[in-house]
N, C-alpha and C. Protein backbone atom coordinates (compact mmCIF):
# COMPACT_ATOMS: atom_id res chain seq x y z
N MET A 1 0.85 -1.18 0.00
CA MET A 1 0.00 0.00 0.00
C MET A 1 0.89 1.24 0.00
N THR A 2 0.55 2.22 -0.80
CA THR A 2 1.30 3.46 -0.90
C THR A 2 0.57 4.55 -0.13
N PRO A 3 1.28 5.26 0.76
CA PRO A 3 0.61 6.35 1.48
C PRO A 3 0.24 7.47 0.52
N VAL A 4 -0.88 8.11 0.78
CA VAL A 4 -1.37 9.19 -0.06
C VAL A 4 -1.59 10.42 0.80
N PHE A 5 -1.09 11.55 0.32
CA PHE A 5 -1.32 12.82 1.02
C PHE A 5 -2.43 13.57 0.30
N ARG A 6 -3.44 13.94 1.04
CA ARG A 6 -4.54 14.72 0.46
C ARG A 6 -4.44 16.14 0.98
N GLU A 7 -4.36 17.08 0.06
CA GLU A 7 -4.22 18.49 0.43
C GLU A 7 -5.36 18.90 1.36
N GLY A 8 -5.00 19.64 2.38
CA GLY A 8 -5.99 20.14 3.33
C GLY A 8 -6.25 19.22 4.50
N GLU A 9 -5.86 17.97 4.40
CA GLU A 9 -6.07 17.05 5.51
C GLU A 9 -4.91 17.16 6.48
N ARG A 10 -5.21 17.00 7.74
CA ARG A 10 -4.17 17.08 8.77
C ARG A 10 -4.22 15.82 9.60
N ILE A 11 -3.05 15.40 10.02
CA ILE A 11 -2.97 14.26 10.94
C ILE A 11 -3.26 14.79 12.33
N GLN A 12 -4.19 14.18 12.99
CA GLN A 12 -4.53 14.59 14.33
C GLN A 12 -3.84 13.65 15.32
N ALA A 13 -2.91 14.19 16.08
CA ALA A 13 -2.19 13.40 17.07
C ALA A 13 -3.06 13.27 18.32
N GLU A 14 -2.82 12.24 19.06
CA GLU A 14 -3.54 12.00 20.31
C GLU A 14 -3.14 13.07 21.32
N PRO A 15 -4.10 13.79 21.89
CA PRO A 15 -3.74 14.82 22.86
C PRO A 15 -3.23 14.21 24.17
N ILE A 16 -2.38 14.95 24.84
CA ILE A 16 -1.88 14.53 26.15
C ILE A 16 -2.67 15.27 27.22
N SER A 17 -2.60 14.78 28.44
CA SER A 17 -3.27 15.44 29.56
C SER A 17 -2.34 16.52 30.13
N VAL A 18 -2.90 17.39 30.95
CA VAL A 18 -2.09 18.43 31.58
C VAL A 18 -1.05 17.78 32.50
N GLU A 19 -1.40 16.67 33.13
CA GLU A 19 -0.45 15.97 34.00
C GLU A 19 0.73 15.43 33.18
N GLU A 20 0.44 14.92 31.99
CA GLU A 20 1.51 14.43 31.11
C GLU A 20 2.39 15.58 30.63
N ALA A 21 1.80 16.74 30.39
CA ALA A 21 2.58 17.92 29.98
C ALA A 21 3.53 18.34 31.11
N VAL A 22 3.03 18.31 32.35
CA VAL A 22 3.87 18.64 33.51
C VAL A 22 5.03 17.65 33.61
N GLN A 23 4.74 16.35 33.48
CA GLN A 23 5.78 15.33 33.56
C GLN A 23 6.81 15.49 32.45
N LEU A 24 6.36 15.89 31.27
CA LEU A 24 7.26 16.09 30.15
C LEU A 24 8.29 17.17 30.47
N VAL A 25 7.82 18.32 30.99
CA VAL A 25 8.72 19.43 31.31
C VAL A 25 9.61 19.07 32.50
N GLU A 26 9.04 18.44 33.53
CA GLU A 26 9.85 18.05 34.69
C GLU A 26 10.93 17.05 34.31
N GLY A 27 10.71 16.25 33.29
CA GLY A 27 11.69 15.26 32.86
C GLY A 27 12.75 15.79 31.92
N MET A 28 12.62 17.04 31.48
CA MET A 28 13.60 17.61 30.56
C MET A 28 14.84 18.09 31.30
N ASP A 29 15.94 18.11 30.59
CA ASP A 29 17.21 18.59 31.14
C ASP A 29 17.08 20.08 31.46
N PRO A 30 17.46 20.50 32.68
CA PRO A 30 17.38 21.93 33.03
C PRO A 30 18.13 22.83 32.04
N LYS A 31 19.23 22.35 31.47
CA LYS A 31 19.96 23.16 30.49
C LYS A 31 19.11 23.40 29.25
N THR A 32 18.39 22.38 28.80
CA THR A 32 17.51 22.53 27.65
C THR A 32 16.41 23.54 27.95
N LEU A 33 15.95 23.55 29.19
CA LEU A 33 14.90 24.49 29.61
C LEU A 33 15.45 25.89 29.84
N GLY A 34 16.76 26.07 29.77
CA GLY A 34 17.36 27.38 30.01
C GLY A 34 17.49 27.70 31.48
N LEU A 35 17.61 26.67 32.33
CA LEU A 35 17.65 26.86 33.78
C LEU A 35 19.04 26.65 34.40
N ARG A 36 20.06 26.52 33.61
CA ARG A 36 21.39 26.23 34.15
C ARG A 36 21.91 27.37 35.02
N GLY A 37 22.44 26.98 36.17
CA GLY A 37 23.11 27.92 37.06
C GLY A 37 22.24 28.96 37.72
N GLU A 38 20.92 28.84 37.59
CA GLU A 38 20.06 29.86 38.16
C GLU A 38 19.66 29.57 39.61
N SER A 39 19.95 28.37 40.08
CA SER A 39 19.64 28.01 41.46
C SER A 39 20.69 27.03 41.94
N ALA A 40 21.08 27.18 43.18
CA ALA A 40 22.12 26.30 43.73
C ALA A 40 21.68 24.83 43.71
N ALA A 41 20.44 24.59 44.08
CA ALA A 41 19.96 23.21 44.13
C ALA A 41 19.67 22.67 42.74
N GLY A 42 19.19 23.51 41.85
CA GLY A 42 18.89 23.08 40.49
C GLY A 42 17.59 22.32 40.34
N ALA A 43 16.94 21.97 41.44
CA ALA A 43 15.69 21.23 41.37
C ALA A 43 14.52 22.20 41.20
N PHE A 44 13.56 21.78 40.40
CA PHE A 44 12.40 22.64 40.18
C PHE A 44 11.13 21.79 40.14
N THR A 45 10.00 22.46 40.38
CA THR A 45 8.69 21.82 40.33
C THR A 45 7.84 22.60 39.34
N VAL A 46 7.02 21.89 38.58
CA VAL A 46 6.20 22.51 37.53
C VAL A 46 4.73 22.47 37.92
N TYR A 47 4.06 23.62 37.75
CA TYR A 47 2.62 23.73 38.02
C TYR A 47 1.93 24.31 36.80
N PRO A 48 0.77 23.73 36.44
CA PRO A 48 0.04 24.25 35.28
C PRO A 48 -0.80 25.47 35.64
N GLU A 49 -1.07 26.30 34.64
CA GLU A 49 -2.01 27.40 34.78
C GLU A 49 -3.33 26.97 34.13
N GLU A 50 -4.41 27.62 34.49
CA GLU A 50 -5.72 27.33 33.89
C GLU A 50 -5.74 27.82 32.45
N GLY A 51 -6.49 27.13 31.63
CA GLY A 51 -6.70 27.58 30.26
C GLY A 51 -5.66 27.10 29.29
N VAL A 52 -5.78 27.59 28.06
CA VAL A 52 -4.92 27.18 26.96
C VAL A 52 -4.39 28.43 26.27
N VAL A 53 -3.13 28.36 25.80
CA VAL A 53 -2.49 29.46 25.08
C VAL A 53 -2.25 28.99 23.65
N MET A 54 -2.47 29.86 22.68
CA MET A 54 -2.25 29.50 21.29
C MET A 54 -0.85 29.93 20.85
N VAL A 55 -0.12 28.99 20.21
CA VAL A 55 1.18 29.27 19.61
C VAL A 55 1.13 28.71 18.20
N ASP A 56 1.34 29.56 17.20
CA ASP A 56 1.26 29.13 15.80
C ASP A 56 -0.04 28.38 15.52
N ARG A 57 -1.14 28.90 16.04
CA ARG A 57 -2.48 28.32 15.87
C ARG A 57 -2.62 26.92 16.45
N ARG A 58 -1.76 26.60 17.42
CA ARG A 58 -1.83 25.31 18.11
C ARG A 58 -2.08 25.56 19.58
N PRO A 59 -3.08 24.89 20.17
CA PRO A 59 -3.33 25.05 21.60
C PRO A 59 -2.19 24.44 22.42
N CYS A 60 -1.81 25.17 23.46
CA CYS A 60 -0.71 24.73 24.34
C CYS A 60 -1.10 24.87 25.80
N PHE A 61 -0.56 23.96 26.62
CA PHE A 61 -0.66 24.10 28.07
C PHE A 61 0.39 25.12 28.50
N ARG A 62 0.03 25.97 29.46
CA ARG A 62 0.98 26.94 30.02
C ARG A 62 1.41 26.42 31.39
N LEU A 63 2.71 26.20 31.55
CA LEU A 63 3.26 25.61 32.76
C LEU A 63 4.32 26.52 33.36
N ASN A 64 4.30 26.69 34.66
CA ASN A 64 5.31 27.49 35.35
C ASN A 64 6.21 26.59 36.17
N ALA A 65 7.51 26.78 36.01
CA ALA A 65 8.50 26.03 36.81
C ALA A 65 8.97 26.93 37.94
N TYR A 66 9.03 26.36 39.15
CA TYR A 66 9.48 27.10 40.33
C TYR A 66 10.67 26.37 40.93
N TRP A 67 11.67 27.14 41.38
CA TRP A 67 12.82 26.54 42.06
C TRP A 67 12.33 25.92 43.36
N SER A 68 12.74 24.70 43.62
CA SER A 68 12.31 23.98 44.82
C SER A 68 12.85 24.61 46.10
N ASP A 69 14.06 25.19 46.03
CA ASP A 69 14.66 25.74 47.25
C ASP A 69 14.17 27.15 47.59
N THR A 70 13.85 27.98 46.59
CA THR A 70 13.45 29.36 46.85
C THR A 70 11.98 29.63 46.54
N HIS A 71 11.34 28.73 45.82
CA HIS A 71 9.94 28.86 45.40
C HIS A 71 9.71 30.06 44.48
N GLN A 72 10.79 30.56 43.87
CA GLN A 72 10.67 31.63 42.89
C GLN A 72 10.48 31.02 41.50
N ILE A 73 9.80 31.77 40.66
CA ILE A 73 9.55 31.26 39.31
C ILE A 73 10.86 31.15 38.54
N ALA A 74 11.06 30.00 37.93
CA ALA A 74 12.28 29.73 37.17
C ALA A 74 12.05 29.94 35.68
N GLY A 75 10.83 29.67 35.21
CA GLY A 75 10.52 29.82 33.80
C GLY A 75 9.09 29.43 33.51
N THR A 76 8.61 29.89 32.36
CA THR A 76 7.27 29.54 31.91
C THR A 76 7.40 28.82 30.58
N TYR A 77 6.68 27.72 30.45
CA TYR A 77 6.80 26.85 29.26
C TYR A 77 5.43 26.58 28.68
N LEU A 78 5.40 26.43 27.38
CA LEU A 78 4.18 26.11 26.66
C LEU A 78 4.40 24.78 25.97
N VAL A 79 3.49 23.83 26.19
CA VAL A 79 3.60 22.49 25.61
C VAL A 79 2.39 22.28 24.71
N THR A 80 2.63 21.90 23.44
CA THR A 80 1.53 21.66 22.52
C THR A 80 0.65 20.53 23.03
N GLU A 81 -0.61 20.56 22.60
CA GLU A 81 -1.60 19.61 23.11
C GLU A 81 -1.23 18.15 22.84
N ASP A 82 -0.35 17.91 21.86
CA ASP A 82 0.08 16.54 21.58
C ASP A 82 1.45 16.23 22.19
N GLY A 83 2.06 17.22 22.85
CA GLY A 83 3.36 17.03 23.49
C GLY A 83 4.53 17.01 22.53
N ALA A 84 4.30 17.35 21.27
CA ALA A 84 5.35 17.28 20.25
C ALA A 84 6.31 18.45 20.30
N ALA A 85 5.91 19.58 20.88
CA ALA A 85 6.77 20.76 20.92
C ALA A 85 6.67 21.43 22.29
N VAL A 86 7.81 21.99 22.72
CA VAL A 86 7.88 22.73 23.97
C VAL A 86 8.50 24.09 23.67
N TYR A 87 7.93 25.13 24.23
CA TYR A 87 8.41 26.49 24.04
C TYR A 87 8.70 27.13 25.39
N ARG A 88 9.67 28.03 25.40
CA ARG A 88 9.92 28.84 26.61
C ARG A 88 9.35 30.22 26.35
N LEU A 89 8.59 30.72 27.30
CA LEU A 89 7.99 32.05 27.20
C LEU A 89 8.86 33.06 27.92
N ASP A 90 9.23 34.13 27.22
CA ASP A 90 9.92 35.26 27.84
C ASP A 90 8.83 36.11 28.47
N ARG A 91 8.75 36.10 29.77
CA ARG A 91 7.66 36.78 30.48
C ARG A 91 7.73 38.29 30.32
N GLU A 92 8.90 38.85 30.06
CA GLU A 92 9.02 40.29 29.89
C GLU A 92 8.53 40.76 28.53
N THR A 93 8.88 40.02 27.48
CA THR A 93 8.54 40.45 26.12
C THR A 93 7.30 39.75 25.56
N GLY A 94 6.90 38.62 26.15
CA GLY A 94 5.79 37.85 25.64
C GLY A 94 6.14 36.98 24.45
N GLU A 95 7.43 36.92 24.10
CA GLU A 95 7.87 36.10 22.98
C GLU A 95 8.11 34.67 23.41
N VAL A 96 7.89 33.73 22.47
CA VAL A 96 8.14 32.33 22.74
C VAL A 96 9.25 31.83 21.83
N ARG A 97 10.01 30.86 22.34
CA ARG A 97 11.11 30.25 21.58
C ARG A 97 11.00 28.75 21.74
N ALA A 98 11.02 28.04 20.62
CA ALA A 98 10.96 26.58 20.66
C ALA A 98 12.22 26.05 21.32
N ILE A 99 12.06 25.10 22.23
CA ILE A 99 13.22 24.52 22.90
C ILE A 99 13.31 23.02 22.72
N GLY A 100 12.33 22.42 22.09
CA GLY A 100 12.42 20.99 21.84
C GLY A 100 11.16 20.26 22.23
N GLY A 101 11.28 18.97 22.23
CA GLY A 101 10.17 18.09 22.57
C GLY A 101 10.71 16.77 23.06
N PRO A 102 9.84 15.79 23.22
CA PRO A 102 10.28 14.51 23.75
C PRO A 102 11.26 13.79 22.86
């Protein structure tokens, strides 16, 4: 059988849960997340925010990482609904930058 691409059709990936999005970010390397050297302990905990944020017309979970030792915000991340892409949000400018996926 030969695969056929039909213009206008999109592959719909299985959505992940907010808990899976949190686990995805918590399991990523802190350097990949842009968290290197920002806390002595280096450990962080991720908490989701309510609602969905759109990035490139794709719904994303908005997750905040907090340093475990100081409880200060370490970074904000956006995870696509299928978990295929992760973005870091610059809270000052509102810009997002792709940082990877699973």
